[in-house]
Amino acid sequence: DMQADFLRWAGFQVVGVFGRGEDMSPREVEDAIRLGREHGVGLVIDNLQSGKQAGIAIAREIGAAQVTLSNFPGGLEGTETWAKAIERNVDLLIATIGR
């Protein structure tokens, strides 16, 4: 849910959000998987600072690609400014979509 606004801004259709994996109940994970299947989701996006295990599991279950973005500068290599962090997130999205 930490990346939803950025993704909408970037032109993505966000069909659902999920939080930190350790905070999700088995029912919430099942709901996310069901929602992903119903909408034919092709990309599951995690937030680095929230962990990526839930997104990896959801993506695997629905046969989608998965990518982890960061919502702070310095979270990923070469992202010491906000501009570089946003640019890196965009690059990661493009690379993942291109697979």
N, C-alpha and C. Protein backbone atom coordinates (compact mmCIF):
# COMPACT_ATOMS: atom_id res chain seq x y z
N ASP A 1 0.81 -1.20 0.00
CA ASP A 1 0.00 0.00 0.00
C ASP A 1 0.85 1.27 0.00
N MET A 2 2.14 1.15 0.30
CA MET A 2 3.02 2.32 0.31
C MET A 2 3.37 2.83 -1.10
N GLN A 3 3.16 2.01 -2.10
CA GLN A 3 3.52 2.40 -3.47
C GLN A 3 2.30 2.73 -4.34
N ALA A 4 1.10 2.55 -3.83
CA ALA A 4 -0.11 2.69 -4.64
C ALA A 4 -0.24 4.08 -5.28
N ASP A 5 -0.05 5.13 -4.53
CA ASP A 5 -0.19 6.47 -5.10
C ASP A 5 0.84 6.74 -6.19
N PHE A 6 2.08 6.33 -5.96
CA PHE A 6 3.13 6.49 -6.98
C PHE A 6 2.75 5.73 -8.25
N LEU A 7 2.24 4.53 -8.10
CA LEU A 7 1.88 3.71 -9.26
C LEU A 7 0.71 4.31 -10.04
N ARG A 8 -0.27 4.83 -9.33
CA ARG A 8 -1.38 5.50 -10.01
C ARG A 8 -0.86 6.72 -10.77
N TRP A 9 0.02 7.49 -10.13
CA TRP A 9 0.64 8.66 -10.76
C TRP A 9 1.37 8.25 -12.03
N ALA A 10 2.02 7.09 -11.99
CA ALA A 10 2.78 6.60 -13.14
C ALA A 10 1.88 5.97 -14.21
N GLY A 11 0.59 5.91 -13.97
CA GLY A 11 -0.34 5.42 -14.98
C GLY A 11 -0.76 3.97 -14.84
N PHE A 12 -0.40 3.33 -13.75
CA PHE A 12 -0.78 1.94 -13.53
C PHE A 12 -2.18 1.86 -12.96
N GLN A 13 -2.88 0.80 -13.31
CA GLN A 13 -4.18 0.51 -12.70
C GLN A 13 -3.91 -0.34 -11.46
N VAL A 14 -4.22 0.19 -10.32
CA VAL A 14 -4.02 -0.52 -9.06
C VAL A 14 -5.34 -1.17 -8.68
N VAL A 15 -5.36 -2.51 -8.65
CA VAL A 15 -6.61 -3.21 -8.35
C VAL A 15 -6.71 -3.62 -6.88
N GLY A 16 -5.64 -3.51 -6.16
CA GLY A 16 -5.65 -3.85 -4.74
C GLY A 16 -4.33 -3.51 -4.10
N VAL A 17 -4.33 -3.45 -2.79
CA VAL A 17 -3.10 -3.17 -2.05
C VAL A 17 -3.00 -4.19 -0.91
N PHE A 18 -1.78 -4.35 -0.43
CA PHE A 18 -1.56 -5.20 0.74
C PHE A 18 -0.46 -4.59 1.57
N GLY A 19 -0.42 -4.94 2.82
CA GLY A 19 0.56 -4.37 3.73
C GLY A 19 1.75 -5.30 3.95
N ARG A 20 2.38 -5.11 5.06
CA ARG A 20 3.54 -5.93 5.42
C ARG A 20 3.12 -7.39 5.57
N GLY A 21 3.95 -8.27 5.06
CA GLY A 21 3.66 -9.69 5.12
C GLY A 21 3.40 -10.19 6.53
N GLU A 22 4.18 -9.73 7.48
CA GLU A 22 4.02 -10.21 8.85
C GLU A 22 2.73 -9.71 9.50
N ASP A 23 2.12 -8.69 8.91
CA ASP A 23 0.86 -8.17 9.45
C ASP A 23 -0.37 -8.77 8.76
N MET A 24 -0.15 -9.56 7.71
CA MET A 24 -1.27 -10.12 6.95
C MET A 24 -1.70 -11.47 7.52
N SER A 25 -3.00 -11.64 7.63
CA SER A 25 -3.55 -12.93 8.06
C SER A 25 -3.59 -13.85 6.84
N PRO A 26 -3.69 -15.16 7.04
CA PRO A 26 -3.83 -16.06 5.90
C PRO A 26 -5.03 -15.68 5.03
N ARG A 27 -6.10 -15.21 5.64
CA ARG A 27 -7.30 -14.80 4.88
C ARG A 27 -6.98 -13.60 3.98
N GLU A 28 -6.21 -12.65 4.48
CA GLU A 28 -5.84 -11.48 3.67
C GLU A 28 -4.96 -11.88 2.49
N VAL A 29 -4.07 -12.83 2.71
CA VAL A 29 -3.23 -13.31 1.61
C VAL A 29 -4.11 -14.01 0.57
N GLU A 30 -5.03 -14.85 1.03
CA GLU A 30 -5.96 -15.52 0.11
C GLU A 30 -6.78 -14.51 -0.68
N ASP A 31 -7.25 -13.46 0.00
CA ASP A 31 -8.03 -12.42 -0.68
C ASP A 31 -7.21 -11.71 -1.75
N ALA A 32 -5.96 -11.43 -1.44
CA ALA A 32 -5.08 -10.77 -2.42
C ALA A 32 -4.86 -11.67 -3.63
N ILE A 33 -4.66 -12.94 -3.40
CA ILE A 33 -4.48 -13.90 -4.50
C ILE A 33 -5.75 -13.98 -5.35
N ARG A 34 -6.89 -14.07 -4.71
CA ARG A 34 -8.16 -14.12 -5.42
C ARG A 34 -8.37 -12.86 -6.26
N LEU A 35 -8.11 -11.71 -5.67
CA LEU A 35 -8.26 -10.43 -6.38
C LEU A 35 -7.31 -10.37 -7.59
N GLY A 36 -6.09 -10.81 -7.40
CA GLY A 36 -5.12 -10.83 -8.49
C GLY A 36 -5.56 -11.72 -9.63
N ARG A 37 -6.08 -12.88 -9.30
CA ARG A 37 -6.57 -13.81 -10.33
C ARG A 37 -7.79 -13.23 -11.06
N GLU A 38 -8.72 -12.68 -10.29
CA GLU A 38 -9.95 -12.12 -10.89
C GLU A 38 -9.65 -11.00 -11.88
N HIS A 39 -8.64 -10.22 -11.60
CA HIS A 39 -8.31 -9.06 -12.44
C HIS A 39 -7.18 -9.33 -13.43
N GLY A 40 -6.68 -10.56 -13.46
CA GLY A 40 -5.60 -10.88 -14.38
C GLY A 40 -4.35 -10.05 -14.15
N VAL A 41 -4.03 -9.85 -12.88
CA VAL A 41 -2.88 -9.02 -12.52
C VAL A 41 -1.59 -9.63 -13.08
N GLY A 42 -0.80 -8.80 -13.70
CA GLY A 42 0.46 -9.26 -14.28
C GLY A 42 1.68 -8.78 -13.52
N LEU A 43 1.48 -7.88 -12.55
CA LEU A 43 2.61 -7.30 -11.83
C LEU A 43 2.22 -7.06 -10.38
N VAL A 44 3.01 -7.59 -9.46
CA VAL A 44 2.82 -7.37 -8.02
C VAL A 44 4.01 -6.56 -7.54
N ILE A 45 3.72 -5.48 -6.83
CA ILE A 45 4.78 -4.55 -6.43
C ILE A 45 4.85 -4.48 -4.92
N ASP A 46 6.07 -4.66 -4.42
CA ASP A 46 6.34 -4.56 -3.00
C ASP A 46 7.09 -3.27 -2.72
N ASN A 47 7.06 -2.87 -1.46
CA ASN A 47 7.81 -1.72 -0.97
C ASN A 47 8.99 -2.25 -0.15
N LEU A 48 10.19 -1.87 -0.51
CA LEU A 48 11.41 -2.37 0.14
C LEU A 48 11.34 -2.25 1.66
N GLN A 49 10.91 -1.10 2.14
CA GLN A 49 10.90 -0.86 3.58
C GLN A 49 9.81 -1.65 4.30
N SER A 50 8.88 -2.23 3.56
CA SER A 50 7.81 -3.03 4.15
C SER A 50 8.05 -4.53 4.02
N GLY A 51 9.07 -4.91 3.27
CA GLY A 51 9.36 -6.32 3.04
C GLY A 51 8.75 -6.80 1.74
N LYS A 52 9.31 -7.87 1.20
CA LYS A 52 8.85 -8.34 -0.10
C LYS A 52 8.33 -9.76 -0.10
N GLN A 53 8.32 -10.42 1.01
CA GLN A 53 7.91 -11.82 1.04
C GLN A 53 6.45 -12.03 0.67
N ALA A 54 5.56 -11.15 1.11
CA ALA A 54 4.14 -11.31 0.79
C ALA A 54 3.93 -11.16 -0.71
N GLY A 55 4.53 -10.15 -1.31
CA GLY A 55 4.37 -9.92 -2.74
C GLY A 55 4.95 -11.03 -3.58
N ILE A 56 6.08 -11.57 -3.17
CA ILE A 56 6.68 -12.68 -3.91
C ILE A 56 5.73 -13.88 -3.90
N ALA A 57 5.17 -14.18 -2.74
CA ALA A 57 4.24 -15.32 -2.62
C ALA A 57 2.98 -15.09 -3.45
N ILE A 58 2.43 -13.89 -3.38
CA ILE A 58 1.21 -13.58 -4.14
C ILE A 58 1.49 -13.67 -5.64
N ALA A 59 2.59 -13.07 -6.07
CA ALA A 59 2.95 -13.10 -7.50
C ALA A 59 3.13 -14.54 -7.98
N ARG A 60 3.79 -15.36 -7.20
CA ARG A 60 4.02 -16.75 -7.57
C ARG A 60 2.69 -17.48 -7.74
N GLU A 61 1.77 -17.25 -6.83
CA GLU A 61 0.46 -17.93 -6.87
C GLU A 61 -0.38 -17.53 -8.07
N ILE A 62 -0.26 -16.28 -8.51
CA ILE A 62 -1.10 -15.83 -9.62
C ILE A 62 -0.34 -15.80 -10.95
N GLY A 63 0.93 -16.18 -10.93
CA GLY A 63 1.71 -16.21 -12.16
C GLY A 63 2.08 -14.83 -12.67
N ALA A 64 2.29 -13.90 -11.77
CA ALA A 64 2.63 -12.52 -12.14
C ALA A 64 4.10 -12.24 -11.89
N ALA A 65 4.60 -11.20 -12.52
CA ALA A 65 5.95 -10.70 -12.23
C ALA A 65 5.89 -9.96 -10.89
N GLN A 66 7.03 -9.84 -10.25
CA GLN A 66 7.13 -9.14 -8.97
C GLN A 66 8.31 -8.20 -9.02
N VAL A 67 8.15 -7.01 -8.45
CA VAL A 67 9.25 -6.06 -8.35
C VAL A 67 9.15 -5.36 -7.00
N THR A 68 10.30 -5.00 -6.45
CA THR A 68 10.34 -4.29 -5.18
C THR A 68 10.87 -2.89 -5.42
N LEU A 69 10.07 -1.90 -5.05
CA LEU A 69 10.45 -0.49 -5.17
C LEU A 69 10.77 0.06 -3.79
N SER A 70 11.38 1.23 -3.75
CA SER A 70 11.72 1.87 -2.48
C SER A 70 11.00 3.21 -2.39
N ASN A 71 10.51 3.53 -1.20
CA ASN A 71 9.85 4.82 -1.05
C ASN A 71 10.71 5.84 -0.32
N PHE A 72 12.03 5.58 -0.23
CA PHE A 72 12.95 6.54 0.37
C PHE A 72 14.26 6.56 -0.41
N PRO A 73 14.89 7.72 -0.50
CA PRO A 73 16.23 7.77 -1.08
C PRO A 73 17.18 6.91 -0.23
N GLY A 74 18.13 6.30 -0.89
CA GLY A 74 19.11 5.48 -0.19
C GLY A 74 18.68 4.05 0.04
N GLY A 75 17.45 3.73 -0.26
CA GLY A 75 16.98 2.36 -0.07
C GLY A 75 17.58 1.38 -1.05
N LEU A 76 17.79 1.85 -2.26
CA LEU A 76 18.41 1.04 -3.31
C LEU A 76 19.72 1.70 -3.73
N GLU A 77 20.61 0.92 -4.24
CA GLU A 77 21.91 1.43 -4.66
C GLU A 77 21.75 2.57 -5.67
N GLY A 78 22.53 3.63 -5.48
CA GLY A 78 22.51 4.74 -6.41
C GLY A 78 21.30 5.65 -6.30
N THR A 79 20.64 5.64 -5.15
CA THR A 79 19.43 6.44 -4.97
C THR A 79 19.56 7.40 -3.79
N GLU A 80 20.63 8.17 -3.79
CA GLU A 80 20.88 9.05 -2.65
C GLU A 80 20.02 10.32 -2.63
N THR A 81 19.26 10.59 -3.68
CA THR A 81 18.35 11.73 -3.70
C THR A 81 16.95 11.24 -4.06
N TRP A 82 15.94 12.09 -3.82
CA TRP A 82 14.57 11.73 -4.19
C TRP A 82 14.46 11.51 -5.69
N ALA A 83 15.08 12.39 -6.46
CA ALA A 83 15.00 12.26 -7.93
C ALA A 83 15.59 10.93 -8.38
N LYS A 84 16.72 10.55 -7.82
CA LYS A 84 17.33 9.28 -8.20
C LYS A 84 16.51 8.09 -7.73
N ALA A 85 15.86 8.21 -6.57
CA ALA A 85 15.01 7.12 -6.07
C ALA A 85 13.82 6.92 -7.01
N ILE A 86 13.18 8.00 -7.42
CA ILE A 86 12.04 7.89 -8.34
C ILE A 86 12.50 7.33 -9.68
N GLU A 87 13.63 7.83 -10.18
CA GLU A 87 14.16 7.33 -11.46
C GLU A 87 14.46 5.84 -11.39
N ARG A 88 15.03 5.39 -10.29
CA ARG A 88 15.34 3.96 -10.12
C ARG A 88 14.05 3.13 -10.08
N ASN A 89 13.03 3.62 -9.37
CA ASN A 89 11.75 2.91 -9.33
C ASN A 89 11.17 2.79 -10.74
N VAL A 90 11.21 3.86 -11.51
CA VAL A 90 10.70 3.83 -12.87
C VAL A 90 11.50 2.83 -13.71
N ASP A 91 12.81 2.86 -13.57
CA ASP A 91 13.66 1.90 -14.31
C ASP A 91 13.33 0.46 -13.95
N LEU A 92 13.09 0.20 -12.66
CA LEU A 92 12.74 -1.15 -12.22
C LEU A 92 11.40 -1.58 -12.80
N LEU A 93 10.44 -0.67 -12.82
CA LEU A 93 9.13 -0.99 -13.40
C LEU A 93 9.25 -1.32 -14.88
N ILE A 94 9.99 -0.50 -15.61
CA ILE A 94 10.16 -0.72 -17.05
C ILE A 94 10.86 -2.05 -17.31
N ALA A 95 11.90 -2.33 -16.55
CA ALA A 95 12.64 -3.58 -16.74
C ALA A 95 11.76 -4.80 -16.43
N THR A 96 10.94 -4.70 -15.40
CA THR A 96 10.08 -5.82 -15.01
C THR A 96 8.97 -6.02 -16.03
N ILE A 97 8.38 -4.96 -16.50
CA ILE A 97 7.32 -5.06 -17.51
C ILE A 97 7.87 -5.65 -18.80
N GLY A 98 9.11 -5.31 -19.11
CA GLY A 98 9.74 -5.79 -20.34
C GLY A 98 10.08 -7.27 -20.36
N ARG A 99 10.01 -7.92 -19.21
CA ARG A 99 10.35 -9.35 -19.14
C ARG A 99 9.24 -10.21 -19.68
